[in-house]
Amino acid sequence: MIFFPNIIFSLFLIFLTILPLYSFEIKVKIFSSKLLKEFKIYSKCLKIKNEVINNDKVNVFIRGKKIVIITNNKLYEDDVFEIEPCNEIFEVSIKKEKRIYKGKLILYLKNNIIIPINVIEFNDYILSVVEYETRVMKNIEAIKANAVAARSYVLASYEQRHKGDGYHFCDLTHCQLYKGFENIREVVRKAVDNTKGYVILYNGKPAWSMYHSVCGGKTEDALDVWGYDSMPYLSSIDDKVSNLTLCSFGWGYRWKTKMSKNKIEDAFLKSGLIEKKEKVYYMYVSSRSKSGRVKFLTIRTNKRILDIRGIDFYHIIGRKINWLAIKSTLFDVKYDKKYFIFEGKGYGHGVGMCQHGADKMAEFGYLWKDIINHYYKNVKIVKIN
C-alpha cells in the first residue's frame, strides 16, 4: 500500500487527536537520585493487593529479597506491588523529604533497591513538570510557551528516553523535573490549561523541544551537544531583541569558578578519564562551536594528551563535583600551578528555548507563540484535541 506524505501526516494528527480520549498514562521513576531501602506512604485510604486499607501511614522496606509493606498491623510481602490511593492523592516521605503525588505507585526490586514508579495521567504530569521547571519564570506567556514545549517533548520522547528501564521518564532534569503536586502556582495552572492540547510539530512529528535556563546570549546547535541528530529546528540563534541580550538579567548569565587541580583529577579518575597517579598539568579550549561553546578541551597529563568533548567535561564536573561548578560549556579556562579558573556565561546545555530569555520576551509583550517561533525554527504549532 502506498501512503502519500499528506495522508501520513493526517493519520498522525488523528492519532494525536484520539490520545486524550484514552487513559494516556506516563510512568515516572520518582526519587531517582536516591537509593531507596525504606520509606513511608501517607494516605487516608489505599488499595493494596485488591484490598482497601484505611490508614494514614504505610511503612515500606526491604527484607531479604522481598518488598515488605506494613499497615494496620497487617503485613504484605512480595516482589512487586501496585498501590493506588482511593482519592488519587498520596504522600511519599523519605527521611525529611516529603512529596505529594497523584495516580498510582508501582514498586519493584532491582539490585536490592526499591524502584518506585509513579503512574500518572499525561495532563497531570505536564502540570507538575511546568511548575517545577518554570520557577525561574514570572510571566504567563513565557510559562505558556514552556508548557507547550514540555508537552511536545513528552510526546516526542516518552517511548525512547528510558527505553528498557520499565518507565518512560526519571524525575530529574535528565528528562524533565517532576516533584509532585505541592504548591502548584495559579499562574502555572492557567498557563497549562490555556494551552491544553497545543504541541510543536516539525515535519509532522512532535518536536524534541529542549529548553534550558540561561543561554548566555546565543543558543546552541543540538548537533554540537548530542552529535547524533541535526534537529534543524534546534539550531543556534542570537537571543536578542533590539540588540538587548534577553537573558542578560538572568541568574548564571556570567559566572566564575576556581577549582583545584586535585579536585579535577579526582573527578577525572572517578569518571574513568584518567588513571591512578596520572596528573593533569594543564588544559585549554582546542575547538569551539559556532555559538562559542567549548566543542573540545585538550588536556595534558604527565602521561599523555587527551581530547575531551566540552559537553562531556560539563557532565563529568556536574556529576562528580557539583552541577553549579561549570554552569555551561560557554567558558574560557586559565590555570596556574594549583588551580584552574573558569569564566563563562549561561546555565544549562544551551539548546532550544532560553527560559530567562523567554521570560524577558513576555515582559516585552510577546505572546507564547511568538516565543516558540523565536527559539524553534520552521515548526508548526497545532492543537491536537
Protein backbone atom coordinates (compact mmCIF):
# COMPACT_ATOMS: atom_id res chain seq x y z
CA MET A 1 0.00 0.00 0.00
CA ILE A 2 1.32 3.46 -0.92
CA PHE A 3 0.95 6.25 1.66
CA PHE A 4 1.47 9.76 0.42
CA PRO A 5 3.11 12.24 2.85
CA ASN A 6 -0.06 14.29 3.39
CA ILE A 7 -2.01 11.11 4.23
CA ILE A 8 0.65 10.04 6.73
CA PHE A 9 0.56 13.49 8.31
CA SER A 10 -3.24 13.35 8.55
CA LEU A 11 -3.15 9.90 10.14
CA PHE A 12 -0.57 11.12 12.61
CA LEU A 13 -2.74 14.06 13.62
CA ILE A 14 -5.72 11.73 14.02
CA PHE A 15 -3.58 9.54 16.29
CA LEU A 16 -2.62 12.52 18.40
CA THR A 17 -6.21 13.71 18.48
CA ILE A 18 -7.57 10.47 19.92
CA LEU A 19 -4.81 10.09 22.52
CA PRO A 20 -6.62 12.23 25.13
CA LEU A 21 -9.74 10.06 24.72
CA TYR A 22 -7.86 7.15 26.25
CA SER A 23 -6.12 6.82 29.59
CA PHE A 24 -2.77 8.10 28.36
CA GLU A 25 -0.52 7.42 31.30
CA ILE A 26 3.12 8.28 31.92
CA LYS A 27 5.39 6.10 34.06
CA VAL A 28 7.89 8.19 36.04
CA LYS A 29 10.62 6.90 38.31
CA ILE A 30 10.44 9.13 41.39
CA PHE A 31 13.23 9.95 43.84
CA SER A 32 15.60 8.98 41.04
CA SER A 33 18.66 10.42 42.77
CA LYS A 34 18.21 8.20 45.84
CA LEU A 35 18.92 4.53 46.54
CA LEU A 36 15.73 3.59 48.37
CA LYS A 37 15.72 0.95 51.07
CA GLU A 38 12.75 2.20 53.04
CA PHE A 39 10.17 4.99 53.06
CA LYS A 40 6.65 5.84 54.19
CA ILE A 41 3.41 6.47 52.32
CA TYR A 42 0.66 8.63 53.80
CA SER A 43 -2.91 8.41 52.57
CA LYS A 44 -6.30 8.01 54.26
CA CYS A 45 -7.19 5.12 52.02
CA LEU A 46 -5.10 2.80 49.82
CA LYS A 47 -5.74 -0.23 47.66
CA ILE A 48 -3.07 -2.91 48.13
CA LYS A 49 -3.41 -6.43 46.72
CA ASN A 50 -7.06 -5.67 45.86
CA GLU A 51 -7.73 -4.80 49.49
CA VAL A 52 -8.86 -1.38 50.68
CA ILE A 53 -6.75 -0.25 53.62
CA ASN A 54 -7.92 2.65 55.76
CA ASN A 55 -4.80 4.06 57.34
CA ASP A 56 -2.81 7.26 57.21
CA LYS A 57 0.68 5.68 57.30
CA VAL A 58 2.24 2.77 55.41
CA ASN A 59 5.79 1.55 56.03
CA VAL A 60 7.73 0.15 53.07
CA PHE A 61 11.11 -1.59 53.39
CA ILE A 62 13.22 -4.50 52.14
CA ARG A 63 13.53 -7.83 53.93
CA GLY A 64 15.69 -10.43 52.26
CA LYS A 65 14.79 -10.30 48.58
CA LYS A 66 11.25 -9.05 49.06
CA ILE A 67 9.47 -5.74 49.49
CA VAL A 68 7.57 -5.60 52.76
CA ILE A 69 4.60 -3.30 53.42
CA ILE A 70 3.15 -2.92 56.90
CA THR A 71 -0.11 -1.12 57.57
CA ASN A 72 -2.94 -1.51 60.10
CA ASN A 73 -0.98 -4.29 61.79
CA LYS A 74 -1.12 -6.18 58.52
CA LEU A 75 1.94 -7.30 56.59
CA TYR A 76 2.31 -7.77 52.83
CA GLU A 77 5.40 -9.29 51.24
CA ASP A 78 6.06 -9.61 47.51
CA ASP A 79 8.43 -8.84 44.60
CA VAL A 80 6.13 -6.26 43.02
CA PHE A 81 3.37 -4.05 44.40
CA GLU A 82 0.79 -1.78 42.82
CA ILE A 83 -0.56 0.76 45.28
CA GLU A 84 -3.49 3.00 44.43
CA PRO A 85 -4.93 5.71 46.70
CA CYS A 86 -8.72 5.82 46.88
CA ASN A 87 -8.75 9.58 46.32
CA GLU A 88 -5.79 9.62 43.86
CA ILE A 89 -3.63 11.62 46.28
CA PHE A 90 -0.80 10.24 48.42
CA GLU A 91 2.37 11.45 50.09
CA VAL A 92 5.76 9.74 49.94
CA SER A 93 8.13 10.52 52.80
CA ILE A 94 11.85 9.71 52.74
CA LYS A 95 13.50 10.91 55.93
CA LYS A 96 12.85 14.68 55.93
CA GLU A 97 11.78 14.95 52.30
CA LYS A 98 8.07 14.73 51.51
CA ARG A 99 6.28 14.92 48.17
CA ILE A 100 2.61 14.74 47.20
CA TYR A 101 1.67 12.63 44.17
CA LYS A 102 -1.37 11.62 42.15
CA GLY A 103 -2.11 8.41 40.28
CA LYS A 104 -0.71 5.03 41.25
CA LEU A 105 2.57 3.74 42.63
CA ILE A 106 4.32 0.61 41.37
CA LEU A 107 7.16 -0.83 43.45
CA TYR A 108 9.71 -3.47 42.49
CA LEU A 109 13.23 -4.50 43.48
CA LYS A 110 16.33 -4.06 41.38
CA ASN A 111 19.81 -4.78 42.78
CA ASN A 112 18.31 -4.79 46.27
CA ILE A 113 16.97 -1.25 45.80
CA ILE A 114 13.28 -0.30 45.73
CA ILE A 115 12.30 1.26 42.40
CA PRO A 116 9.19 3.48 42.81
CA ILE A 117 7.26 4.21 39.61
CA ASN A 118 4.51 6.82 39.66
CA VAL A 119 1.86 6.06 37.02
CA ILE A 120 0.37 9.45 36.28
CA GLU A 121 -2.14 10.81 33.78
CA PHE A 122 -0.48 12.77 30.97
CA ASN A 123 -2.05 16.17 31.68
CA ASP A 124 -1.35 15.93 35.41
CA TYR A 125 2.27 15.09 34.68
CA ILE A 126 2.60 18.17 32.45
CA LEU A 127 1.16 20.39 35.20
CA SER A 128 3.79 19.26 37.72
CA VAL A 129 6.65 19.47 35.21
CA VAL A 130 5.73 23.02 34.24
CA GLU A 131 5.52 24.06 37.89
CA TYR A 132 8.97 22.79 38.79
CA GLU A 133 10.67 23.66 35.50
CA THR A 134 9.44 27.28 35.41
CA ARG A 135 10.04 28.54 38.92
CA VAL A 136 12.58 30.99 37.49
CA MET A 137 9.85 32.45 35.24
CA LYS A 138 7.29 35.09 36.19
CA ASN A 139 5.31 35.98 33.05
CA ILE A 140 2.39 33.82 31.97
CA GLU A 141 3.13 33.98 28.23
CA ALA A 142 6.62 32.57 28.85
CA ILE A 143 5.18 29.86 31.09
CA LYS A 144 2.65 29.02 28.36
CA ALA A 145 5.50 28.61 25.88
CA ASN A 146 7.30 26.34 28.32
CA ALA A 147 4.13 24.30 28.85
CA VAL A 148 3.78 23.68 25.11
CA ALA A 149 7.49 22.82 24.88
CA ALA A 150 7.22 20.38 27.80
CA ARG A 151 4.12 18.72 26.30
CA SER A 152 5.77 18.34 22.90
CA TYR A 153 8.94 16.92 24.44
CA VAL A 154 6.94 14.23 26.25
CA LEU A 155 5.14 13.14 23.07
CA ALA A 156 8.42 13.09 21.14
CA SER A 157 10.44 11.14 23.69
CA TYR A 158 8.28 9.10 26.04
CA GLU A 159 8.94 5.78 24.29
CA GLN A 160 12.67 6.40 23.98
CA ARG A 161 14.07 8.34 26.95
CA HIS A 162 14.31 5.35 29.31
CA LYS A 163 13.54 2.57 26.89
CA GLY A 164 14.14 -0.80 28.54
CA ASP A 165 14.12 0.60 32.09
CA GLY A 166 10.47 -0.12 32.80
CA TYR A 167 9.39 3.52 32.85
CA HIS A 168 9.19 6.49 30.47
CA PHE A 169 10.95 9.23 32.42
CA CYS A 170 13.00 9.86 35.53
CA ASP A 171 12.06 12.84 37.70
CA LEU A 172 15.34 14.71 37.20
CA THR A 173 16.40 17.32 34.66
CA HIS A 174 17.85 14.44 32.64
CA CYS A 175 14.22 14.13 31.47
CA GLN A 176 12.07 16.89 32.99
CA LEU A 177 11.89 17.94 36.61
CA TYR A 178 8.93 16.31 38.36
CA LYS A 179 8.38 16.65 42.11
CA GLY A 180 4.69 16.07 42.56
CA PHE A 181 1.84 18.46 43.28
CA GLU A 182 2.62 20.57 46.31
CA ASN A 183 2.16 24.34 45.95
CA ILE A 184 1.26 24.48 42.25
CA ARG A 185 1.08 28.18 41.38
CA GLU A 186 -2.15 29.57 39.93
CA VAL A 187 -0.23 31.14 37.02
CA VAL A 188 1.03 27.66 36.11
CA ARG A 189 -2.47 26.17 36.23
CA LYS A 190 -3.71 28.91 33.91
CA ALA A 191 -0.76 28.55 31.53
CA VAL A 192 -1.20 24.78 31.22
CA ASP A 193 -4.98 25.00 30.92
CA ASN A 194 -4.92 27.81 28.34
CA THR A 195 -2.50 25.87 26.10
CA LYS A 196 -4.04 22.44 26.65
CA GLY A 197 -3.64 20.27 23.56
CA TYR A 198 -1.13 22.53 21.80
CA VAL A 199 2.09 20.89 20.61
CA ILE A 200 5.08 21.84 18.49
CA LEU A 201 5.48 19.81 15.30
CA TYR A 202 8.39 19.54 12.90
CA ASN A 203 7.86 17.60 9.68
CA GLY A 204 4.58 16.30 11.11
CA LYS A 205 6.08 14.87 14.31
CA PRO A 206 6.28 16.24 17.86
CA ALA A 207 9.48 18.23 18.29
CA TRP A 208 12.14 17.40 20.84
CA SER A 209 11.60 20.89 22.19
CA MET A 210 14.53 21.21 24.57
CA TYR A 211 14.89 24.17 26.89
CA HIS A 212 17.37 25.45 29.46
CA SER A 213 17.77 28.24 32.00
CA VAL A 214 20.16 30.83 30.50
CA CYS A 215 21.79 30.69 27.06
CA GLY A 216 24.34 33.44 27.65
CA GLY A 217 23.30 35.36 24.55
CA LYS A 218 23.33 32.64 21.92
CA THR A 219 21.67 29.22 21.87
CA GLU A 220 23.48 26.08 20.73
CA ASP A 221 23.01 23.68 17.82
CA ALA A 222 21.65 20.33 19.04
CA LEU A 223 24.19 18.57 16.81
CA ASP A 224 27.08 20.19 18.70
CA VAL A 225 25.71 18.92 22.02
CA TRP A 226 24.43 15.42 21.28
CA GLY A 227 26.06 14.76 17.93
CA TYR A 228 23.58 12.18 16.62
CA ASP A 229 20.83 14.30 15.06
CA SER A 230 20.94 17.73 13.48
CA MET A 231 17.36 18.58 14.55
CA PRO A 232 17.24 21.70 12.30
CA TYR A 233 14.61 23.35 14.47
CA LEU A 234 17.16 23.30 17.33
CA SER A 235 19.73 25.48 15.59
CA SER A 236 21.81 28.24 17.15
CA ILE A 237 20.28 31.74 17.29
CA ASP A 238 21.31 35.13 18.66
CA ASP A 239 19.00 35.57 21.62
CA LYS A 240 18.44 39.29 21.23
CA VAL A 241 15.64 41.79 20.73
CA SER A 242 16.67 45.29 19.58
CA ASN A 243 20.31 44.49 20.44
CA LEU A 244 19.37 43.55 24.01
CA THR A 245 20.59 40.14 25.11
CA LEU A 246 17.38 38.75 26.54
CA CYS A 247 18.82 36.60 29.33
CA SER A 248 21.45 39.14 30.47
CA PHE A 249 19.49 39.75 33.69
CA GLY A 250 19.14 36.04 34.49
CA TRP A 251 20.98 34.21 37.25
CA GLY A 252 24.02 32.48 35.75
CA TYR A 253 24.40 34.85 32.81
CA ARG A 254 28.00 35.41 33.94
CA TRP A 255 29.89 33.12 36.30
CA LYS A 256 33.39 32.30 37.54
CA THR A 257 34.64 29.12 39.21
CA LYS A 258 38.03 28.30 40.72
CA MET A 259 38.83 24.61 41.22
CA SER A 260 41.99 22.91 42.43
CA LYS A 261 43.81 20.55 40.08
CA ASN A 262 43.49 17.83 42.73
CA LYS A 263 39.71 18.15 42.71
CA ILE A 264 39.55 17.95 38.93
CA GLU A 265 41.95 14.99 38.88
CA ASP A 266 39.73 13.19 41.37
CA ALA A 267 36.64 13.82 39.18
CA PHE A 268 38.51 12.61 36.08
CA LEU A 269 39.71 9.50 37.94
CA LYS A 270 36.20 8.62 39.20
CA SER A 271 34.80 9.01 35.68
CA GLY A 272 37.49 6.80 34.15
CA LEU A 273 39.06 9.56 32.08
CA ILE A 274 42.50 9.26 33.70
CA GLU A 275 44.33 6.53 35.63
CA LYS A 276 45.75 6.40 39.14
CA LYS A 277 48.86 8.56 39.63
CA GLU A 278 48.05 10.43 36.43
CA LYS A 279 48.40 14.19 36.98
CA VAL A 280 46.76 16.98 35.00
CA TYR A 281 49.27 19.66 34.01
CA TYR A 282 47.03 21.99 32.02
CA MET A 283 44.00 22.16 29.73
CA TYR A 284 42.89 24.54 27.03
CA VAL A 285 40.00 25.03 24.62
CA SER A 286 41.05 23.50 21.30
CA SER A 287 37.76 23.85 19.41
CA ARG A 288 34.54 25.85 19.72
CA SER A 289 31.12 25.53 18.15
CA LYS A 290 29.68 28.40 16.13
CA SER A 291 27.86 29.64 19.25
CA GLY A 292 31.22 29.98 21.02
CA ARG A 293 30.77 26.99 23.33
CA VAL A 294 33.58 24.56 24.03
CA LYS A 295 33.49 21.78 21.48
CA PHE A 296 36.74 20.14 22.59
CA LEU A 297 39.11 20.57 25.51
CA THR A 298 42.70 19.38 25.20
CA ILE A 299 44.13 18.05 28.47
CA ARG A 300 47.86 17.50 29.08
CA THR A 301 48.79 15.00 31.78
CA ASN A 302 52.09 13.54 32.92
CA LYS A 303 51.40 10.54 30.65
CA ARG A 304 49.57 11.78 27.56
CA ILE A 305 47.45 14.35 25.76
CA LEU A 306 43.67 13.85 25.85
CA ASP A 307 40.91 15.46 23.85
CA ILE A 308 37.50 15.56 25.54
CA ARG A 309 34.22 16.99 24.28
CA GLY A 310 33.11 20.11 26.10
CA ILE A 311 29.71 18.61 26.92
CA ASP A 312 31.40 15.51 28.42
CA PHE A 313 33.60 17.72 30.61
CA TYR A 314 30.47 19.60 31.71
CA HIS A 315 28.79 16.33 32.68
CA ILE A 316 31.84 14.93 34.50
CA ILE A 317 32.23 18.04 36.66
CA GLY A 318 28.50 18.18 37.28
CA ARG A 319 28.16 14.54 38.34
CA LYS A 320 31.39 14.22 40.30
CA ILE A 321 31.74 17.70 41.84
CA ASN A 322 28.72 20.00 41.52
CA TRP A 323 26.30 20.98 38.74
CA LEU A 324 26.80 24.63 39.67
CA ALA A 325 30.60 24.48 39.30
CA ILE A 326 30.60 24.58 35.48
CA LYS A 327 27.23 26.04 34.56
CA SER A 328 27.57 25.70 30.79
CA THR A 329 30.10 24.93 28.07
CA LEU A 330 30.35 28.61 27.13
CA PHE A 331 33.57 29.31 29.04
CA ASP A 332 37.28 30.16 28.95
CA VAL A 333 39.86 28.41 31.12
CA LYS A 334 43.08 29.63 32.75
CA TYR A 335 45.44 27.77 35.03
CA ASP A 336 48.37 28.10 37.41
CA LYS A 337 50.32 25.57 39.45
CA LYS A 338 47.43 24.53 41.70
CA TYR A 339 44.18 25.85 40.25
CA PHE A 340 42.04 26.08 37.13
CA ILE A 341 39.90 29.18 36.73
CA PHE A 342 36.80 29.01 34.55
CA GLU A 343 34.93 32.12 33.42
CA GLY A 344 31.73 31.63 31.49
CA LYS A 345 28.24 32.64 30.52
CA GLY A 346 24.94 30.79 30.65
CA TYR A 347 23.39 27.98 32.67
CA GLY A 348 22.45 24.68 31.04
CA HIS A 349 23.08 22.92 27.74
CA GLY A 350 22.02 25.95 25.69
CA VAL A 351 19.76 24.08 23.23
CA GLY A 352 16.28 25.30 22.36
CA MET A 353 14.36 27.79 24.47
CA CYS A 354 16.23 30.01 26.92
CA GLN A 355 13.84 30.33 29.86
CA HIS A 356 15.14 33.67 31.13
CA GLY A 357 15.14 34.94 27.56
CA ALA A 358 11.56 33.77 27.07
CA ASP A 359 10.53 35.47 30.29
CA LYS A 360 12.05 38.74 29.10
CA MET A 361 10.25 38.41 25.73
CA ALA A 362 6.95 38.00 27.60
CA GLU A 363 7.80 41.04 29.68
CA PHE A 364 8.23 42.98 26.43
CA GLY A 365 4.74 41.92 25.31
CA TYR A 366 5.47 38.93 23.07
CA LEU A 367 2.89 36.10 23.13
CA TRP A 368 3.67 32.45 23.72
CA LYS A 369 3.50 31.53 20.02
CA ASP A 370 5.98 34.33 19.24
CA ILE A 371 8.34 32.93 21.86
CA ILE A 372 8.13 29.41 20.45
CA ASN A 373 8.77 30.59 16.91
CA HIS A 374 11.76 32.61 18.13
CA TYR A 375 13.51 29.61 19.67
CA TYR A 376 12.33 26.72 17.45
CA LYS A 377 12.78 27.30 13.74
CA ASN A 378 10.32 26.27 10.99
CA VAL A 379 7.94 24.47 13.34
CA LYS A 380 4.15 24.30 13.38
CA ILE A 381 2.04 24.86 16.47
CA VAL A 382 -1.00 22.60 16.35
CA LYS A 383 -3.86 21.93 18.74
CA ILE A 384 -4.37 18.19 18.81
CA ASN A 385 -7.52 17.82 20.90
